[in-house]
């Protein structure tokens, strides 16, 4: 499984998730949508949303996109 967090720095909900990342047991790639438009475009193409934070969960060729900071935090803490 691979994980990537779509976020931007000034988003308070993103900051909640970012503060948890050092304490989770899996690596999570950080993808700043404000600094890199291709990440924003990638998220929009897959979900038709640009809402952040958004966690991409990849299992082989299957993708799941998770929104809502509390849901993301709860999910990551169970891994």
PDB file of N, CA and C in Angstrom:
ATOM      1  N   UNK A   1       0.850  -1.182   0.000  1.00  0.00           N
ATOM      2  CA  UNK A   1       0.000   0.000   0.000  1.00  0.00           C
ATOM      3  C   UNK A   1       0.890   1.236   0.000  1.00  0.00           C
ATOM      4  N   UNK A   2       0.426   2.229  -0.736  1.00  0.00           N
ATOM      5  CA  UNK A   2       1.112   3.520  -0.776  1.00  0.00           C
ATOM      6  C   UNK A   2       0.106   4.595  -0.391  1.00  0.00           C
ATOM      7  N   UNK A   3       0.619   5.641   0.268  1.00  0.00           N
ATOM      8  CA  UNK A   3      -0.235   6.714   0.763  1.00  0.00           C
ATOM      9  C   UNK A   3       0.348   8.060   0.342  1.00  0.00           C
ATOM     10  N   UNK A   4      -0.543   8.979  -0.055  1.00  0.00           N
ATOM     11  CA  UNK A   4      -0.121  10.336  -0.402  1.00  0.00           C
ATOM     12  C   UNK A   4      -1.165  11.313   0.133  1.00  0.00           C
ATOM     13  N   UNK A   5      -0.695  12.365   0.776  1.00  0.00           N
ATOM     14  CA  UNK A   5      -1.572  13.395   1.326  1.00  0.00           C
ATOM     15  C   UNK A   5      -1.527  14.624   0.435  1.00  0.00           C
ATOM     16  N   UNK A   6      -2.665  15.019  -0.078  1.00  0.00           N
ATOM     17  CA  UNK A   6      -2.799  16.245  -0.851  1.00  0.00           C
ATOM     18  C   UNK A   6      -3.196  17.334   0.136  1.00  0.00           C
ATOM     19  N   UNK A   7      -2.453  18.436   0.139  1.00  0.00           N
ATOM     20  CA  UNK A   7      -2.636  19.472   1.153  1.00  0.00           C
ATOM     21  C   UNK A   7      -2.084  20.794   0.646  1.00  0.00           C
ATOM     22  N   UNK A   8      -2.318  21.872   1.438  1.00  0.00           N
ATOM     23  CA  UNK A   8      -1.541  23.095   1.269  1.00  0.00           C
ATOM     24  C   UNK A   8      -1.284  23.672   2.654  1.00  0.00           C
ATOM     25  N   UNK A   9      -0.213  24.432   2.775  1.00  0.00           N
ATOM     26  CA  UNK A   9       0.306  24.843   4.085  1.00  0.00           C
ATOM     27  C   UNK A   9      -0.642  25.676   4.924  1.00  0.00           C
ATOM     28  N   UNK A  10      -1.402  26.579   4.339  1.00  0.00           N
ATOM     29  CA  UNK A  10      -2.230  27.485   5.136  1.00  0.00           C
ATOM     30  C   UNK A  10      -3.594  26.911   5.509  1.00  0.00           C
ATOM     31  N   UNK A  11      -3.848  25.687   5.167  1.00  0.00           N
ATOM     32  CA  UNK A  11      -5.115  25.031   5.493  1.00  0.00           C
ATOM     33  C   UNK A  11      -5.036  24.471   6.922  1.00  0.00           C
ATOM     34  N   UNK A  12      -5.891  24.944   7.843  1.00  0.00           N
ATOM     35  CA  UNK A  12      -5.816  24.452   9.222  1.00  0.00           C
ATOM     36  C   UNK A  12      -6.162  22.963   9.350  1.00  0.00           C
ATOM     37  N   UNK A  13      -7.042  22.467   8.504  1.00  0.00           N
ATOM     38  CA  UNK A  13      -7.396  21.054   8.557  1.00  0.00           C
ATOM     39  C   UNK A  13      -6.236  20.192   8.055  1.00  0.00           C
ATOM     40  N   UNK A  14      -5.511  20.710   7.075  1.00  0.00           N
ATOM     41  CA  UNK A  14      -4.308  20.022   6.602  1.00  0.00           C
ATOM     42  C   UNK A  14      -3.259  19.979   7.704  1.00  0.00           C
ATOM     43  N   UNK A  15      -3.121  21.073   8.426  1.00  0.00           N
ATOM     44  CA  UNK A  15      -2.140  21.127   9.507  1.00  0.00           C
ATOM     45  C   UNK A  15      -2.443  20.082  10.581  1.00  0.00           C
ATOM     46  N   UNK A  16      -3.725  19.838  10.853  1.00  0.00           N
ATOM     47  CA  UNK A  16      -4.097  18.794  11.821  1.00  0.00           C
ATOM     48  C   UNK A  16      -3.543  17.447  11.376  1.00  0.00           C
ATOM     49  N   UNK A  17      -3.703  17.136  10.095  1.00  0.00           N
ATOM     50  CA  UNK A  17      -3.228  15.851   9.575  1.00  0.00           C
ATOM     51  C   UNK A  17      -1.702  15.819   9.549  1.00  0.00           C
ATOM     52  N   UNK A  18      -1.093  16.901   9.110  1.00  0.00           N
ATOM     53  CA  UNK A  18       0.368  16.950   9.023  1.00  0.00           C
ATOM     54  C   UNK A  18       1.028  16.736  10.386  1.00  0.00           C
ATOM     55  N   UNK A  19       0.410  17.250  11.449  1.00  0.00           N
ATOM     56  CA  UNK A  19       0.972  17.072  12.799  1.00  0.00           C
ATOM     57  C   UNK A  19       0.966  15.610  13.241  1.00  0.00           C
ATOM     58  N   UNK A  20       0.071  14.810  12.685  1.00  0.00           N
ATOM     59  CA  UNK A  20      -0.039  13.404  13.060  1.00  0.00           C
ATOM     60  C   UNK A  20       0.950  12.523  12.293  1.00  0.00           C
ATOM     61  N   UNK A  21       1.343  12.947  11.100  1.00  0.00           N
ATOM     62  CA  UNK A  21       2.165  12.099  10.230  1.00  0.00           C
ATOM     63  C   UNK A  21       3.428  11.539  10.877  1.00  0.00           C
ATOM     64  N   UNK A  22       4.176  12.320  11.674  1.00  0.00           N
ATOM     65  CA  UNK A  22       5.386  11.734  12.279  1.00  0.00           C
ATOM     66  C   UNK A  22       5.098  10.570  13.226  1.00  0.00           C
ATOM     67  N   UNK A  23       3.853  10.440  13.662  1.00  0.00           N
ATOM     68  CA  UNK A  23       3.508   9.408  14.637  1.00  0.00           C
ATOM     69  C   UNK A  23       2.787   8.208  14.049  1.00  0.00           C
ATOM     70  N   UNK A  24       2.650   8.146  12.727  1.00  0.00           N
ATOM     71  CA  UNK A  24       1.991   6.982  12.124  1.00  0.00           C
ATOM     72  C   UNK A  24       3.038   5.977  11.674  1.00  0.00           C
ATOM     73  N   UNK A  25       2.598   4.743  11.482  1.00  0.00           N
ATOM     74  CA  UNK A  25       3.525   3.643  11.204  1.00  0.00           C
ATOM     75  C   UNK A  25       3.779   3.376   9.734  1.00  0.00           C
ATOM     76  N   UNK A  26       3.312   4.251   8.863  1.00  0.00           N
ATOM     77  CA  UNK A  26       3.511   4.073   7.420  1.00  0.00           C
ATOM     78  C   UNK A  26       4.040   5.380   6.824  1.00  0.00           C
ATOM     79  N   UNK A  27       4.834   5.287   5.770  1.00  0.00           N
ATOM     80  CA  UNK A  27       5.268   6.511   5.099  1.00  0.00           C
ATOM     81  C   UNK A  27       4.114   7.108   4.301  1.00  0.00           C
ATOM     82  N   UNK A  28       3.976   8.426   4.377  1.00  0.00           N
ATOM     83  CA  UNK A  28       2.949   9.148   3.635  1.00  0.00           C
ATOM     84  C   UNK A  28       3.638  10.244   2.829  1.00  0.00           C
ATOM     85  N   UNK A  29       3.536  10.155   1.524  1.00  0.00           N
ATOM     86  CA  UNK A  29       4.105  11.189   0.657  1.00  0.00           C
ATOM     87  C   UNK A  29       3.251  12.445   0.768  1.00  0.00           C
ATOM     88  N   UNK A  30       3.888  13.597   0.894  1.00  0.00           N
ATOM     89  CA  UNK A  30       3.166  14.867   0.974  1.00  0.00           C
ATOM     90  C   UNK A  30       3.160  15.526  -0.402  1.00  0.00           C
ATOM     91  N   UNK A  31       1.964  15.905  -0.870  1.00  0.00           N
ATOM     92  CA  UNK A  31       1.798  16.522  -2.185  1.00  0.00           C
ATOM     93  C   UNK A  31       1.093  17.865  -2.024  1.00  0.00           C
ATOM     94  N   UNK A  32       1.890  18.930  -2.066  1.00  0.00           N
ATOM     95  CA  UNK A  32       1.381  20.277  -1.856  1.00  0.00           C
ATOM     96  C   UNK A  32       0.709  20.782  -3.139  1.00  0.00           C
ATOM     97  N   UNK A  33      -0.621  20.929  -3.090  1.00  0.00           N
ATOM     98  CA  UNK A  33      -1.373  21.327  -4.281  1.00  0.00           C
ATOM     99  C   UNK A  33      -1.227  22.804  -4.598  1.00  0.00           C
ATOM    100  N   UNK A  34      -0.818  23.607  -3.625  1.00  0.00           N
ATOM    101  CA  UNK A  34      -0.625  25.038  -3.872  1.00  0.00           C
ATOM    102  C   UNK A  34       0.697  25.291  -4.597  1.00  0.00           C
ATOM    103  N   UNK A  35       1.695  24.481  -4.341  1.00  0.00           N
ATOM    104  CA  UNK A  35       3.003  24.657  -4.962  1.00  0.00           C
ATOM    105  C   UNK A  35       3.149  23.889  -6.268  1.00  0.00           C
ATOM    106  N   UNK A  36       2.356  22.843  -6.440  1.00  0.00           N
ATOM    107  CA  UNK A  36       2.497  21.978  -7.618  1.00  0.00           C
ATOM    108  C   UNK A  36       1.125  21.734  -8.236  1.00  0.00           C
ATOM    109  N   UNK A  37       0.824  22.471  -9.287  1.00  0.00           N
ATOM    110  CA  UNK A  37      -0.486  22.387  -9.931  1.00  0.00           C
ATOM    111  C   UNK A  37      -0.789  20.986 -10.445  1.00  0.00           C
ATOM    112  N   UNK A  38       0.234  20.224 -10.814  1.00  0.00           N
ATOM    113  CA  UNK A  38      -0.042  18.886 -11.329  1.00  0.00           C
ATOM    114  C   UNK A  38      -0.650  17.981 -10.261  1.00  0.00           C
ATOM    115  N   UNK A  39      -0.328  18.210  -8.983  1.00  0.00           N
ATOM    116  CA  UNK A  39      -0.969  17.434  -7.920  1.00  0.00           C
ATOM    117  C   UNK A  39      -2.446  17.810  -7.806  1.00  0.00           C
ATOM    118  N   UNK A  40      -2.757  19.112  -7.865  1.00  0.00           N
ATOM    119  CA  UNK A  40      -4.147  19.567  -7.815  1.00  0.00           C
ATOM    120  C   UNK A  40      -4.928  19.001  -8.998  1.00  0.00           C
ATOM    121  N   UNK A  41      -4.330  19.045 -10.189  1.00  0.00           N
ATOM    122  CA  UNK A  41      -4.989  18.526 -11.393  1.00  0.00           C
ATOM    123  C   UNK A  41      -5.211  17.022 -11.305  1.00  0.00           C
ATOM    124  N   UNK A  42      -4.240  16.321 -10.749  1.00  0.00           N
ATOM    125  CA  UNK A  42      -4.333  14.870 -10.576  1.00  0.00           C
ATOM    126  C   UNK A  42      -5.497  14.514  -9.643  1.00  0.00           C
ATOM    127  N   UNK A  43      -5.599  15.232  -8.530  1.00  0.00           N
ATOM    128  CA  UNK A  43      -6.682  15.000  -7.569  1.00  0.00           C
ATOM    129  C   UNK A  43      -8.029  15.307  -8.221  1.00  0.00           C
ATOM    130  N   UNK A  44      -8.122  16.423  -8.928  1.00  0.00           N
ATOM    131  CA  UNK A  44      -9.386  16.804  -9.558  1.00  0.00           C
ATOM    132  C   UNK A  44      -9.804  15.796 -10.630  1.00  0.00           C
ATOM    133  N   UNK A  45      -8.863  15.324 -11.409  1.00  0.00           N
ATOM    134  CA  UNK A  45      -9.172  14.358 -12.464  1.00  0.00           C
ATOM    135  C   UNK A  45      -9.749  13.070 -11.873  1.00  0.00           C
ATOM    136  N   UNK A  46      -9.268  12.683 -10.711  1.00  0.00           N
ATOM    137  CA  UNK A  46      -9.717  11.427 -10.097  1.00  0.00           C
ATOM    138  C   UNK A  46     -10.997  11.588  -9.277  1.00  0.00           C
ATOM    139  N   UNK A  47     -11.196  12.762  -8.656  1.00  0.00           N
ATOM    140  CA  UNK A  47     -12.298  12.920  -7.697  1.00  0.00           C
ATOM    141  C   UNK A  47     -13.318  13.986  -8.078  1.00  0.00           C
ATOM    142  N   UNK A  48     -12.963  14.846  -9.018  1.00  0.00           N
ATOM    143  CA  UNK A  48     -13.784  16.015  -9.375  1.00  0.00           C
ATOM    144  C   UNK A  48     -13.935  16.975  -8.200  1.00  0.00           C
ATOM    145  N   UNK A  49     -12.966  16.936  -7.299  1.00  0.00           N
ATOM    146  CA  UNK A  49     -12.915  17.835  -6.141  1.00  0.00           C
ATOM    147  C   UNK A  49     -11.481  18.314  -5.965  1.00  0.00           C
ATOM    148  N   UNK A  50     -11.353  19.516  -5.407  1.00  0.00           N
ATOM    149  CA  UNK A  50     -10.022  20.027  -5.065  1.00  0.00           C
ATOM    150  C   UNK A  50      -9.906  20.247  -3.556  1.00  0.00           C
ATOM    151  N   UNK A  51     -10.837  19.701  -2.803  1.00  0.00           N
ATOM    152  CA  UNK A  51     -10.857  19.845  -1.353  1.00  0.00           C
ATOM    153  C   UNK A  51      -9.647  19.161  -0.728  1.00  0.00           C
ATOM    154  N   UNK A  52      -9.011  19.860   0.209  1.00  0.00           N
ATOM    155  CA  UNK A  52      -7.914  19.272   0.965  1.00  0.00           C
ATOM    156  C   UNK A  52      -8.228  19.414   2.445  1.00  0.00           C
ATOM    157  N   UNK A  53      -7.664  18.560   3.288  1.00  0.00           N
ATOM    158  CA  UNK A  53      -6.752  17.478   2.970  1.00  0.00           C
ATOM    159  C   UNK A  53      -7.480  16.321   2.291  1.00  0.00           C
ATOM    160  N   UNK A  54      -6.708  15.581   1.540  1.00  0.00           N
ATOM    161  CA  UNK A  54      -7.216  14.411   0.843  1.00  0.00           C
ATOM    162  C   UNK A  54      -6.115  13.352   0.846  1.00  0.00           C
ATOM    163  N   UNK A  55      -6.461  12.169   1.301  1.00  0.00           N
ATOM    164  CA  UNK A  55      -5.494  11.077   1.351  1.00  0.00           C
ATOM    165  C   UNK A  55      -5.767  10.114   0.213  1.00  0.00           C
ATOM    166  N   UNK A  56      -4.743   9.865  -0.587  1.00  0.00           N
ATOM    167  CA  UNK A  56      -4.812   8.869  -1.643  1.00  0.00           C
ATOM    168  C   UNK A  56      -4.236   7.567  -1.095  1.00  0.00           C
ATOM    169  N   UNK A  57      -5.029   6.515  -1.196  1.00  0.00           N
ATOM    170  CA  UNK A  57      -4.615   5.186  -0.754  1.00  0.00           C
ATOM    171  C   UNK A  57      -4.531   4.320  -1.999  1.00  0.00           C
ATOM    172  N   UNK A  58      -3.325   3.844  -2.307  1.00  0.00           N
ATOM    173  CA  UNK A  58      -3.124   3.020  -3.500  1.00  0.00           C
ATOM    174  C   UNK A  58      -2.755   1.602  -3.085  1.00  0.00           C
ATOM    175  N   UNK A  59      -3.492   0.663  -3.643  1.00  0.00           N
ATOM    176  CA  UNK A  59      -3.226  -0.753  -3.421  1.00  0.00           C
ATOM    177  C   UNK A  59      -3.137  -1.396  -4.797  1.00  0.00           C
ATOM    178  N   UNK A  60      -1.912  -1.509  -5.286  1.00  0.00           N
ATOM    179  CA  UNK A  60      -1.721  -1.986  -6.654  1.00  0.00           C
ATOM    180  C   UNK A  60      -2.292  -0.973  -7.631  1.00  0.00           C
ATOM    181  N   UNK A  61      -3.243  -1.399  -8.452  1.00  0.00           N
ATOM    182  CA  UNK A  61      -3.835  -0.466  -9.411  1.00  0.00           C
ATOM    183  C   UNK A  61      -5.175   0.091  -8.925  1.00  0.00           C
ATOM    184  N   UNK A  62      -5.530  -0.182  -7.664  1.00  0.00           N
ATOM    185  CA  UNK A  62      -6.761   0.367  -7.094  1.00  0.00           C
ATOM    186  C   UNK A  62      -6.441   1.609  -6.284  1.00  0.00           C
ATOM    187  N   UNK A  63      -7.316   2.622  -6.407  1.00  0.00           N
ATOM    188  CA  UNK A  63      -7.154   3.867  -5.673  1.00  0.00           C
ATOM    189  C   UNK A  63      -8.404   4.152  -4.849  1.00  0.00           C
ATOM    190  N   UNK A  64      -8.166   4.670  -3.653  1.00  0.00           N
ATOM    191  CA  UNK A  64      -9.253   5.168  -2.810  1.00  0.00           C
ATOM    192  C   UNK A  64      -8.848   6.558  -2.352  1.00  0.00           C
ATOM    193  N   UNK A  65      -9.751   7.512  -2.434  1.00  0.00           N
ATOM    194  CA  UNK A  65      -9.499   8.891  -2.026  1.00  0.00           C
ATOM    195  C   UNK A  65     -10.327   9.182  -0.787  1.00  0.00           C
ATOM    196  N   UNK A  66      -9.668   9.665   0.260  1.00  0.00           N
ATOM    197  CA  UNK A  66     -10.349   9.937   1.523  1.00  0.00           C
ATOM    198  C   UNK A  66     -10.242  11.428   1.850  1.00  0.00           C
ATOM    199  N   UNK A  67     -11.389  12.033   2.120  1.00  0.00           N
ATOM    200  CA  UNK A  67     -11.455  13.434   2.526  1.00  0.00           C
ATOM    201  C   UNK A  67     -11.792  13.504   4.017  1.00  0.00           C
ATOM    202  N   UNK A  68     -11.749  14.687   4.569  1.00  0.00           N
ATOM    203  CA  UNK A  68     -12.068  14.967   5.978  1.00  0.00           C
ATOM    204  C   UNK A  68     -10.890  14.616   6.884  1.00  0.00           C
ATOM    205  N   UNK A  69     -10.361  15.643   7.524  1.00  0.00           N
ATOM    206  CA  UNK A  69      -9.156  15.483   8.342  1.00  0.00           C
ATOM    207  C   UNK A  69      -9.340  14.463   9.459  1.00  0.00           C
ATOM    208  N   UNK A  70     -10.469  14.477  10.149  1.00  0.00           N
ATOM    209  CA  UNK A  70     -10.677  13.530  11.252  1.00  0.00           C
ATOM    210  C   UNK A  70     -10.692  12.089  10.746  1.00  0.00           C
ATOM    211  N   UNK A  71     -11.317  11.860   9.596  1.00  0.00           N
ATOM    212  CA  UNK A  71     -11.345  10.513   9.014  1.00  0.00           C
ATOM    213  C   UNK A  71      -9.950  10.060   8.613  1.00  0.00           C
ATOM    214  N   UNK A  72      -9.178  10.979   8.029  1.00  0.00           N
ATOM    215  CA  UNK A  72      -7.813  10.656   7.603  1.00  0.00           C
ATOM    216  C   UNK A  72      -6.952  10.304   8.812  1.00  0.00           C
ATOM    217  N   UNK A  73      -7.032  11.116   9.848  1.00  0.00           N
ATOM    218  CA  UNK A  73      -6.246  10.882  11.064  1.00  0.00           C
ATOM    219  C   UNK A  73      -6.623   9.543  11.682  1.00  0.00           C
ATOM    220  N   UNK A  74      -7.908   9.292  11.828  1.00  0.00           N
ATOM    221  CA  UNK A  74      -8.378   8.032  12.418  1.00  0.00           C
ATOM    222  C   UNK A  74      -7.882   6.835  11.595  1.00  0.00           C
ATOM    223  N   UNK A  75      -7.970   6.942  10.268  1.00  0.00           N
ATOM    224  CA  UNK A  75      -7.522   5.860   9.401  1.00  0.00           C
ATOM    225  C   UNK A  75      -6.027   5.607   9.574  1.00  0.00           C
ATOM    226  N   UNK A  76      -5.217   6.669   9.499  1.00  0.00           N
ATOM    227  CA  UNK A  76      -3.761   6.514   9.583  1.00  0.00           C
ATOM    228  C   UNK A  76      -3.335   5.946  10.939  1.00  0.00           C
ATOM    229  N   UNK A  77      -4.038   6.287  11.982  1.00  0.00           N
ATOM    230  CA  UNK A  77      -3.671   5.806  13.311  1.00  0.00           C
ATOM    231  C   UNK A  77      -3.999   4.327  13.510  1.00  0.00           C
ATOM    232  N   UNK A  78      -4.798   3.748  12.615  1.00  0.00           N
ATOM    233  CA  UNK A  78      -5.111   2.325  12.724  1.00  0.00           C
ATOM    234  C   UNK A  78      -4.126   1.446  11.959  1.00  0.00           C
ATOM    235  N   UNK A  79      -3.239   2.066  11.191  1.00  0.00           N
ATOM    236  CA  UNK A  79      -2.299   1.289  10.371  1.00  0.00           C
ATOM    237  C   UNK A  79      -1.098   0.828  11.197  1.00  0.00           C
TER     238      UNK A  79
END
